[in-house]
């Protein structure tokens, strides 16, 4: 009989690998922290610094003057004898019209021959060149073109006048025959040789369309070699008082509201001067109307000028605008606060069932009438007892919002009221030394919209 053999399968014991378990726990911990880091809001911190804001107060202004256009009574060839944008005396000869053209042609030919210039005129041109050489600087190279035009005008004026003197016999004959007409200035002033349709515009009649320079058209009268009766030939500026009108925004209007004089710089030549001004609102737009009493002749040929308002630079605590937020507060009359509880801090008496409790709420701001407090120590509906009086005040009766930032110096967010004295698109300048505000080197939340009161800051 065969022996009965029972075979039992051997089971391996379970070996727990502690290293794998520890690694798995660490891996899960790391994954969890990465997940938390990626999904939570990150609070960036900004350190408050002393600073200034570079201002861009450059504007394009419309120039208005007392301008009187004059028109020709004759038809014929045209010659000018006075430099553009120069002073002219009454009855000084300005231009001539030659109906036949022979004298005008002789004058034009003479203008091409500088050897016929008299010594006095030549000396005047040489002095002008010497003065320009002595005062020239590379930073003012743009003046070279103005100087070139001035010299050309001086040469043409001198050569035309010399030609007229040389042709005196022919001129006299033509005048007697009523074919040559020298024309004198009807009044004294500064003469210019362009028209643009703005001659009758004043500070009381300008429109917003006049500031659209793309539509501006200017006619150069001196480019004409002939003229017809009734055509404009020149215009006279008969007053040294002139205006520059500048469209400005509401912020600038508010900033200038309390003054009447401002320093401006002309970007064309970097000259500066002071101007009286007024601010006028028209069709929903604020305009700065500058009144000047000198330097008109320097810019007599310009209808538009680029100017910079040289305002005093604002300095103080500089913070990014992204840090600024709003918070609503209870406003409590100052008369309900007193010092107590063996402390110099201000507090108030809150009514309880058993009497009153002295509470020390955090004061965030004060004005002449109220202290601003939040709901951390008192609640809406709490009743305050006025010291030494039977009067009472209910918390929440009056509320107001303050602009401020969240100070994070202590590792948690504390609202601080701010007083903005100047602001541009990116930064604000704050008043320093405020009682409940910020100090230099304080740390604040860079984005005030992501922070709440007492939030812990990692």
Protein backbone atom coordinates (compact mmCIF):
# COMPACT_ATOMS: atom_id res chain seq x y z
CA UNK A 1 0.00 0.00 0.00
CA UNK A 2 1.54 3.29 -1.08
CA UNK A 3 2.37 5.86 1.54
CA UNK A 4 -0.05 8.87 1.55
CA UNK A 5 2.02 12.06 1.16
CA UNK A 6 0.36 15.51 1.75
CA UNK A 7 2.11 18.45 0.11
CA UNK A 8 1.64 21.85 1.77
CA UNK A 9 2.47 25.02 -0.30
CA UNK A 10 4.96 27.28 1.40
CA UNK A 11 3.81 30.90 1.89
CA UNK A 12 6.46 33.55 1.91
CA UNK A 13 6.18 35.96 4.82
CA UNK A 14 5.22 39.57 4.03
CA UNK A 15 8.21 41.87 4.30
CA UNK A 16 7.34 45.56 4.87
CA UNK A 17 9.86 47.89 3.21
CA UNK A 18 10.06 50.83 5.58
CA UNK A 19 12.14 52.79 3.08
CA UNK A 20 9.40 52.63 0.43
CA UNK A 21 6.76 53.74 2.94
CA UNK A 22 8.83 56.70 4.09
CA UNK A 23 9.59 57.69 0.51
CA UNK A 24 5.87 57.49 -0.39
CA UNK A 25 4.93 59.68 2.56
CA UNK A 26 7.56 62.26 1.62
CA UNK A 27 6.45 62.17 -2.01
CA UNK A 28 2.80 62.73 -1.04
CA UNK A 29 3.84 65.58 1.25
CA UNK A 30 5.85 67.24 -1.53
CA UNK A 31 3.01 66.81 -4.03
CA UNK A 32 0.54 68.27 -1.53
CA UNK A 33 2.71 71.31 -0.86
CA UNK A 34 3.29 71.88 -4.55
CA UNK A 35 -0.46 71.71 -5.11
CA UNK A 36 -1.14 74.16 -2.27
CA UNK A 37 1.57 76.51 -3.55
CA UNK A 38 0.23 76.47 -7.08
CA UNK A 39 -3.40 76.97 -6.12
CA UNK A 40 -3.18 79.60 -3.39
CA UNK A 41 -2.87 83.36 -3.92
CA UNK A 42 0.68 84.63 -3.53
CA UNK A 43 1.09 87.92 -1.71
CA UNK A 44 4.00 89.95 -3.07
CA UNK A 45 5.47 92.58 -0.79
CA UNK A 46 6.72 96.06 -1.65
CA UNK A 47 9.02 98.21 0.48
CA UNK A 48 7.91 101.84 0.76
CA UNK A 49 10.56 104.23 -0.54
CA UNK A 50 11.03 108.00 -0.70
CA UNK A 51 10.70 109.10 -4.29
CA UNK A 52 9.36 111.40 -6.97
CA UNK A 53 7.34 110.87 -10.13
CA UNK A 54 8.67 112.11 -13.44
CA UNK A 55 5.89 114.15 -15.00
CA UNK A 56 5.10 114.48 -18.66
CA UNK A 57 3.43 117.87 -18.81
CA UNK A 58 4.03 118.48 -22.52
CA UNK A 59 1.11 119.86 -24.51
CA UNK A 60 0.40 121.16 -28.00
CA UNK A 61 -1.22 124.58 -27.79
CA UNK A 62 -3.19 126.73 -30.22
CA UNK A 63 -1.63 130.18 -30.63
CA UNK A 64 -3.93 133.18 -30.99
CA UNK A 65 -2.91 136.80 -31.64
CA UNK A 66 -4.42 140.06 -32.79
CA UNK A 67 -3.85 139.54 -36.53
CA UNK A 68 -5.12 141.80 -39.32
CA UNK A 69 -4.80 140.55 -42.94
CA UNK A 70 -4.25 143.08 -45.73
CA UNK A 71 -5.28 142.61 -49.34
CA UNK A 72 -3.90 143.85 -52.64
CA UNK A 73 -5.66 146.58 -54.60
CA UNK A 74 -3.70 145.69 -57.72
CA UNK A 75 -2.93 142.82 -60.09
CA UNK A 76 0.60 142.07 -61.26
CA UNK A 77 4.04 140.76 -60.31
CA UNK A 78 4.78 140.81 -56.59
CA UNK A 79 7.94 141.76 -54.68
CA UNK A 80 8.46 142.00 -50.91
CA UNK A 81 10.92 144.27 -49.09
CA UNK A 82 10.49 143.36 -45.40
CA UNK A 83 11.67 140.21 -43.63
CA UNK A 84 9.03 137.81 -42.39
CA UNK A 85 8.18 138.06 -38.68
CA UNK A 86 9.90 141.44 -38.23
CA UNK A 87 8.78 144.77 -36.85
CA UNK A 88 7.42 147.28 -39.32
CA UNK A 89 6.75 150.98 -38.85
CA UNK A 90 3.63 152.66 -40.15
CA UNK A 91 4.10 153.90 -43.75
CA UNK A 92 7.19 151.70 -44.27
CA UNK A 93 7.17 150.12 -47.73
CA UNK A 94 6.24 146.45 -47.50
CA UNK A 95 5.69 145.24 -51.05
CA UNK A 96 5.20 146.38 -54.63
CA UNK A 97 3.00 145.26 -57.51
CA UNK A 98 4.21 145.70 -61.09
CA UNK A 99 1.39 145.46 -63.60
CA UNK A 100 3.74 145.20 -66.59
CA UNK A 101 6.34 142.99 -64.90
CA UNK A 102 9.54 144.56 -66.25
CA UNK A 103 10.61 146.23 -63.00
CA UNK A 104 9.68 143.15 -60.96
CA UNK A 105 11.79 141.02 -63.30
CA UNK A 106 14.78 143.36 -62.88
CA UNK A 107 14.42 143.21 -59.09
CA UNK A 108 14.30 139.40 -59.17
CA UNK A 109 17.42 139.29 -61.33
CA UNK A 110 19.22 141.56 -58.89
CA UNK A 111 18.33 139.22 -56.04
CA UNK A 112 20.46 136.55 -57.66
CA UNK A 113 23.61 138.72 -57.68
CA UNK A 114 25.04 139.24 -54.19
CA UNK A 115 27.88 141.43 -55.52
CA UNK A 116 25.41 144.31 -55.83
CA UNK A 117 24.74 144.43 -52.07
CA UNK A 118 25.73 147.71 -50.43
CA UNK A 119 28.37 147.74 -47.67
CA UNK A 120 25.94 148.52 -44.83
CA UNK A 121 23.70 145.57 -45.68
CA UNK A 122 26.69 143.28 -46.15
CA UNK A 123 28.08 144.33 -42.76
CA UNK A 124 24.71 143.57 -41.13
CA UNK A 125 24.71 140.06 -42.60
CA UNK A 126 28.31 139.46 -41.50
CA UNK A 127 27.49 140.58 -37.95
CA UNK A 128 24.53 138.21 -37.88
CA UNK A 129 26.74 135.30 -38.98
CA UNK A 130 29.38 136.14 -36.36
CA UNK A 131 26.78 136.29 -33.61
CA UNK A 132 25.40 132.91 -34.61
CA UNK A 133 28.89 131.35 -34.68
CA UNK A 134 29.73 132.68 -31.23
CA UNK A 135 26.48 131.46 -29.64
CA UNK A 136 26.19 128.15 -31.51
CA UNK A 137 25.94 124.91 -29.55
CA UNK A 138 25.38 121.37 -30.80
CA UNK A 139 22.42 121.00 -28.43
CA UNK A 140 20.61 123.79 -30.32
CA UNK A 141 21.32 122.62 -33.86
CA UNK A 142 17.66 123.20 -34.75
CA UNK A 143 18.38 126.95 -34.65
CA UNK A 144 20.53 126.48 -37.76
CA UNK A 145 17.45 126.30 -39.99
CA UNK A 146 15.93 129.40 -38.46
CA UNK A 147 19.23 131.22 -38.93
CA UNK A 148 19.40 130.12 -42.57
CA UNK A 149 15.92 131.49 -43.26
CA UNK A 150 16.75 134.75 -41.48
CA UNK A 151 19.90 135.25 -43.56
CA UNK A 152 18.06 134.53 -46.80
CA UNK A 153 15.38 137.05 -45.82
CA UNK A 154 18.01 139.68 -44.98
CA UNK A 155 19.73 139.13 -48.34
CA UNK A 156 16.49 139.33 -50.33
CA UNK A 157 15.36 142.42 -48.47
CA UNK A 158 18.69 144.20 -49.00
CA UNK A 159 19.07 143.17 -52.65
CA UNK A 160 15.47 144.10 -53.48
CA UNK A 161 15.86 147.50 -51.87
CA UNK A 162 19.15 148.10 -53.68
CA UNK A 163 17.58 147.08 -56.97
CA UNK A 164 14.71 149.44 -56.36
CA UNK A 165 17.16 152.31 -55.71
CA UNK A 166 19.13 151.46 -58.84
CA UNK A 167 15.97 151.46 -60.93
CA UNK A 168 14.71 154.68 -59.39
CA UNK A 169 14.27 156.42 -62.76
CA UNK A 170 12.26 153.54 -64.25
CA UNK A 171 10.30 153.19 -61.03
CA UNK A 172 9.33 156.86 -61.01
CA UNK A 173 8.16 156.61 -64.62
CA UNK A 174 6.11 153.47 -63.91
CA UNK A 175 4.56 155.09 -60.83
CA UNK A 176 3.55 158.10 -62.89
CA UNK A 177 2.09 155.75 -65.51
CA UNK A 178 0.18 153.97 -62.72
CA UNK A 179 1.71 150.57 -63.61
CA UNK A 180 4.02 150.18 -60.59
CA UNK A 181 2.55 150.37 -57.11
CA UNK A 182 4.74 150.49 -53.98
CA UNK A 183 2.56 149.75 -50.93
CA UNK A 184 3.31 150.98 -47.41
CA UNK A 185 2.22 149.46 -44.11
CA UNK A 186 -1.09 150.86 -42.90
CA UNK A 187 -0.03 150.46 -39.24
CA UNK A 188 2.95 149.49 -37.16
CA UNK A 189 3.39 145.97 -35.84
CA UNK A 190 4.95 142.62 -36.63
CA UNK A 191 4.48 141.49 -40.22
CA UNK A 192 3.98 137.89 -41.34
CA UNK A 193 3.35 136.37 -44.74
CA UNK A 194 0.86 133.55 -44.24
CA UNK A 195 -2.88 133.13 -43.78
CA UNK A 196 -4.72 130.13 -42.33
CA UNK A 197 -8.25 131.26 -41.52
CA UNK A 198 -7.51 131.71 -37.80
CA UNK A 199 -6.91 135.44 -38.04
CA UNK A 200 -10.20 136.43 -36.40
CA UNK A 201 -10.26 133.71 -33.74
CA UNK A 202 -10.14 134.83 -30.08
CA UNK A 203 -10.18 133.11 -26.69
CA UNK A 204 -13.96 133.52 -26.77
CA UNK A 205 -14.54 131.97 -30.20
CA UNK A 206 -12.17 128.99 -30.57
CA UNK A 207 -13.60 125.49 -31.05
CA UNK A 208 -12.29 122.00 -30.28
CA UNK A 209 -11.95 121.26 -34.01
CA UNK A 210 -9.17 123.86 -34.21
CA UNK A 211 -6.89 121.55 -32.22
CA UNK A 212 -6.96 118.87 -34.93
CA UNK A 213 -3.66 119.72 -36.58
CA UNK A 214 -4.14 117.08 -39.28
CA UNK A 215 -6.79 119.37 -40.81
CA UNK A 216 -4.69 122.52 -40.55
CA UNK A 217 -3.87 124.37 -43.79
CA UNK A 218 -1.48 127.29 -44.10
CA UNK A 219 -0.92 129.45 -47.20
CA UNK A 220 2.56 130.94 -47.65
CA UNK A 221 1.98 134.34 -49.26
CA UNK A 222 5.65 135.02 -49.88
CA UNK A 223 5.80 132.06 -52.26
CA UNK A 224 3.56 133.96 -54.69
CA UNK A 225 5.33 135.70 -57.59
CA UNK A 226 2.16 137.46 -58.70
CA UNK A 227 -1.02 138.68 -57.10
CA UNK A 228 -4.55 139.61 -58.11
CA UNK A 229 -6.63 142.42 -56.71
CA UNK A 230 -8.35 141.23 -53.56
CA UNK A 231 -5.75 138.57 -52.71
CA UNK A 232 -4.14 138.62 -49.25
CA UNK A 233 -0.55 139.90 -49.34
CA UNK A 234 0.45 140.10 -45.68
CA UNK A 235 -0.95 140.37 -42.21
CA UNK A 236 0.00 142.56 -39.30
CA UNK A 237 0.14 141.53 -35.65
CA UNK A 238 -0.67 144.74 -33.80
CA UNK A 239 -0.39 143.67 -30.14
CA UNK A 240 2.36 142.16 -27.98
CA UNK A 241 -0.28 140.34 -25.92
CA UNK A 242 -0.97 136.83 -27.20
CA UNK A 243 -2.50 133.56 -26.03
CA UNK A 244 -1.78 129.85 -26.05
CA UNK A 245 -4.77 127.57 -25.49
CA UNK A 246 -4.11 124.04 -24.25
CA UNK A 247 -6.65 121.22 -23.72
CA UNK A 248 -6.03 119.65 -20.28
CA UNK A 249 -7.64 116.84 -18.29
CA UNK A 250 -9.57 117.14 -15.04
CA UNK A 251 -6.57 116.17 -12.92
CA UNK A 252 -4.42 118.98 -14.30
CA UNK A 253 -7.31 121.45 -14.05
CA UNK A 254 -7.68 120.61 -10.37
CA UNK A 255 -3.95 120.91 -9.79
CA UNK A 256 -3.83 124.38 -11.35
CA UNK A 257 -7.10 125.63 -9.89
CA UNK A 258 -5.60 127.53 -6.95
CA UNK A 259 -3.02 129.55 -8.91
CA UNK A 260 -2.92 132.10 -11.72
CA UNK A 261 0.71 132.02 -12.92
CA UNK A 262 2.71 129.11 -14.35
CA UNK A 263 6.18 128.73 -15.82
CA UNK A 264 6.29 127.22 -19.30
CA UNK A 265 9.04 126.01 -21.62
CA UNK A 266 8.84 126.26 -25.40
CA UNK A 267 10.16 123.00 -26.83
CA UNK A 268 11.03 124.67 -30.13
CA UNK A 269 13.98 126.55 -28.59
CA UNK A 270 13.91 125.55 -24.88
CA UNK A 271 13.18 129.13 -23.82
CA UNK A 272 11.19 129.56 -20.59
CA UNK A 273 8.89 132.27 -19.33
CA UNK A 274 6.00 132.86 -16.95
CA UNK A 275 2.42 133.24 -18.12
CA UNK A 276 -0.84 134.22 -16.50
CA UNK A 277 -3.63 131.72 -17.01
CA UNK A 278 -7.25 130.86 -16.48
CA UNK A 279 -9.04 127.52 -16.78
CA UNK A 280 -12.20 127.41 -18.82
CA UNK A 281 -14.61 124.52 -19.41
CA UNK A 282 -16.16 124.34 -22.87
CA UNK A 283 -18.19 121.50 -24.39
CA UNK A 284 -17.09 119.11 -21.67
CA UNK A 285 -13.37 119.86 -22.13
CA UNK A 286 -11.09 121.86 -19.84
CA UNK A 287 -8.83 124.41 -21.51
CA UNK A 288 -5.82 126.18 -20.05
CA UNK A 289 -5.75 129.70 -21.52
CA UNK A 290 -2.28 131.20 -21.18
CA UNK A 291 -1.78 134.95 -21.60
CA UNK A 292 1.70 136.21 -22.50
CA UNK A 293 2.94 139.77 -22.83
CA UNK A 294 6.34 139.25 -24.45
CA UNK A 295 8.23 137.02 -26.93
CA UNK A 296 5.33 137.13 -29.39
CA UNK A 297 7.63 138.03 -32.30
CA UNK A 298 9.82 134.96 -31.66
CA UNK A 299 6.92 132.64 -32.49
CA UNK A 300 4.98 134.89 -34.87
CA UNK A 301 5.12 132.30 -37.69
CA UNK A 302 3.71 129.47 -35.55
CA UNK A 303 0.03 128.56 -35.16
CA UNK A 304 0.74 125.60 -32.89
CA UNK A 305 3.47 125.36 -30.25
CA UNK A 306 4.70 122.46 -28.14
CA UNK A 307 5.07 123.65 -24.56
CA UNK A 308 5.88 122.05 -21.21
CA UNK A 309 4.29 123.16 -17.96
CA UNK A 310 7.12 123.44 -15.43
CA UNK A 311 5.26 122.49 -12.30
CA UNK A 312 6.92 121.88 -8.96
CA UNK A 313 7.96 118.26 -8.61
CA UNK A 314 6.01 116.32 -5.99
CA UNK A 315 8.03 114.11 -3.64
CA UNK A 316 7.06 111.83 -0.78
CA UNK A 317 6.48 108.14 -0.10
CA UNK A 318 6.25 106.34 -3.43
CA UNK A 319 4.03 103.26 -3.79
CA UNK A 320 2.55 101.34 -6.77
CA UNK A 321 -1.11 102.01 -7.51
CA UNK A 322 -1.82 98.27 -7.40
CA UNK A 323 -1.30 98.37 -3.61
CA UNK A 324 -4.10 100.88 -3.08
CA UNK A 325 -7.49 99.55 -2.00
CA UNK A 326 -10.61 100.74 -0.13
CA UNK A 327 -12.03 99.71 3.22
CA UNK A 328 -15.29 100.70 4.89
CA UNK A 329 -15.22 101.97 8.47
CA UNK A 330 -17.59 103.00 11.21
CA UNK A 331 -17.31 106.73 11.86
CA UNK A 332 -17.80 107.74 15.49
CA UNK A 333 -17.94 111.34 16.76
CA UNK A 334 -14.72 112.36 18.49
CA UNK A 335 -16.67 113.43 21.59
CA UNK A 336 -17.40 109.77 22.41
CA UNK A 337 -13.70 108.95 22.93
CA UNK A 338 -11.67 109.40 26.09
CA UNK A 339 -8.49 108.20 27.74
CA UNK A 340 -8.94 105.53 30.38
CA UNK A 341 -8.03 102.12 31.74
CA UNK A 342 -4.69 103.47 32.96
CA UNK A 343 -3.70 104.12 29.34
CA UNK A 344 -3.01 107.15 27.18
CA UNK A 345 -4.75 105.44 24.27
CA UNK A 346 -8.18 106.63 23.22
CA UNK A 347 -11.18 104.38 23.80
CA UNK A 348 -14.94 104.48 24.13
CA UNK A 349 -17.61 103.27 26.57
CA UNK A 350 -19.72 100.43 25.15
CA UNK A 351 -23.04 99.78 26.95
CA UNK A 352 -23.44 96.29 28.43
CA UNK A 353 -26.19 94.69 30.56
CA UNK A 354 -24.15 95.34 33.67
CA UNK A 355 -23.17 98.90 32.80
CA UNK A 356 -20.41 100.03 30.40
CA UNK A 357 -17.17 98.48 29.22
CA UNK A 358 -14.14 100.56 28.21
CA UNK A 359 -12.99 99.38 24.75
CA UNK A 360 -9.84 100.39 22.87
CA UNK A 361 -10.69 100.12 19.16
CA UNK A 362 -7.98 100.63 16.54
CA UNK A 363 -8.24 104.15 15.10
CA UNK A 364 -7.38 104.17 11.41
CA UNK A 365 -7.98 107.84 10.62
CA UNK A 366 -9.47 111.00 12.08
CA UNK A 367 -10.83 114.28 10.75
CA UNK A 368 -12.25 117.29 12.53
CA UNK A 369 -15.43 115.43 13.47
CA UNK A 370 -14.96 111.65 13.45
CA UNK A 371 -12.66 108.79 14.32
CA UNK A 372 -12.64 105.90 11.83
CA UNK A 373 -12.77 102.41 13.43
CA UNK A 374 -13.55 98.91 12.13
CA UNK A 375 -15.61 95.98 13.45
CA UNK A 376 -12.79 94.14 15.21
CA UNK A 377 -13.56 95.54 18.69
CA UNK A 378 -17.09 96.88 18.26
CA UNK A 379 -20.02 95.64 16.22
CA UNK A 380 -22.74 97.32 14.25
CA UNK A 381 -25.58 98.13 16.63
CA UNK A 382 -23.39 98.54 19.71
CA UNK A 383 -24.36 101.58 21.77
CA UNK A 384 -21.72 104.02 22.96
CA UNK A 385 -22.12 106.20 26.03
CA UNK A 386 -20.82 109.74 25.74
CA UNK A 387 -18.50 110.60 28.65
CA UNK A 388 -20.07 112.84 31.32
CA UNK A 389 -23.33 112.91 29.40
CA UNK A 390 -26.53 110.96 28.88
CA UNK A 391 -26.11 111.09 25.10
CA UNK A 392 -25.67 107.81 23.24
CA UNK A 393 -24.48 106.82 19.77
CA UNK A 394 -25.21 103.63 17.84
CA UNK A 395 -22.30 102.05 15.95
CA UNK A 396 -23.11 101.86 12.25
CA UNK A 397 -25.14 105.05 12.13
CA UNK A 398 -22.43 106.60 9.95
CA UNK A 399 -19.95 104.79 7.72
CA UNK A 400 -17.28 105.95 5.26
CA UNK A 401 -14.60 104.44 3.05
CA UNK A 402 -10.90 105.23 3.12
CA UNK A 403 -8.18 104.72 0.54
CA UNK A 404 -5.27 102.80 1.95
CA UNK A 405 -2.86 99.89 1.76
CA UNK A 406 -2.19 96.78 3.83
CA UNK A 407 0.90 97.01 6.01
CA UNK A 408 2.50 93.56 6.52
CA UNK A 409 5.44 94.44 8.78
CA UNK A 410 4.27 92.05 11.55
CA UNK A 411 3.49 89.11 9.29
CA UNK A 412 -0.20 89.87 9.02
CA UNK A 413 -2.16 92.52 7.15
CA UNK A 414 -3.07 95.79 8.85
CA UNK A 415 -4.94 98.49 6.91
CA UNK A 416 -3.22 101.90 6.79
CA UNK A 417 -4.91 105.02 5.49
CA UNK A 418 -2.98 107.04 2.88
CA UNK A 419 -3.06 110.64 1.66
CA UNK A 420 -2.23 110.78 -2.07
CA UNK A 421 -0.72 114.09 -3.20
CA UNK A 422 0.11 113.08 -6.78
CA UNK A 423 -0.59 110.07 -8.96
CA UNK A 424 0.15 108.88 -12.48
CA UNK A 425 -0.85 105.65 -14.22
CA UNK A 426 1.58 103.45 -12.25
CA UNK A 427 2.63 105.13 -9.01
CA UNK A 428 1.35 107.44 -6.27
CA UNK A 429 3.19 109.92 -4.08
CA UNK A 430 1.93 109.96 -0.49
CA UNK A 431 2.08 112.69 2.11
CA UNK A 432 4.64 111.87 4.77
CA UNK A 433 4.25 112.15 8.54
CA UNK A 434 0.54 111.32 8.72
CA UNK A 435 -0.68 110.13 12.13
CA UNK A 436 -2.22 106.81 11.06
CA UNK A 437 -0.40 106.28 7.76
CA UNK A 438 2.74 104.70 6.40
CA UNK A 439 6.39 105.29 7.21
CA UNK A 440 9.54 104.98 5.16
CA UNK A 441 10.64 101.35 4.62
CA UNK A 442 7.28 99.89 5.69
CA UNK A 443 6.36 96.70 3.85
CA UNK A 444 2.98 96.62 2.14
CA UNK A 445 1.04 94.12 0.02
CA UNK A 446 1.77 94.79 -3.64
CA UNK A 447 -1.80 93.90 -4.66
CA UNK A 448 -4.23 95.32 -2.10
CA UNK A 449 -7.22 93.57 -3.71
CA UNK A 450 -5.91 90.13 -2.66
CA UNK A 451 -5.55 90.91 1.05
CA UNK A 452 -7.97 91.15 3.98
CA UNK A 453 -7.55 92.60 7.45
CA UNK A 454 -5.40 90.38 9.77
CA UNK A 455 -4.58 87.91 6.98
CA UNK A 456 -1.35 86.02 7.67
CA UNK A 457 1.35 86.73 5.11
CA UNK A 458 3.79 83.96 4.32
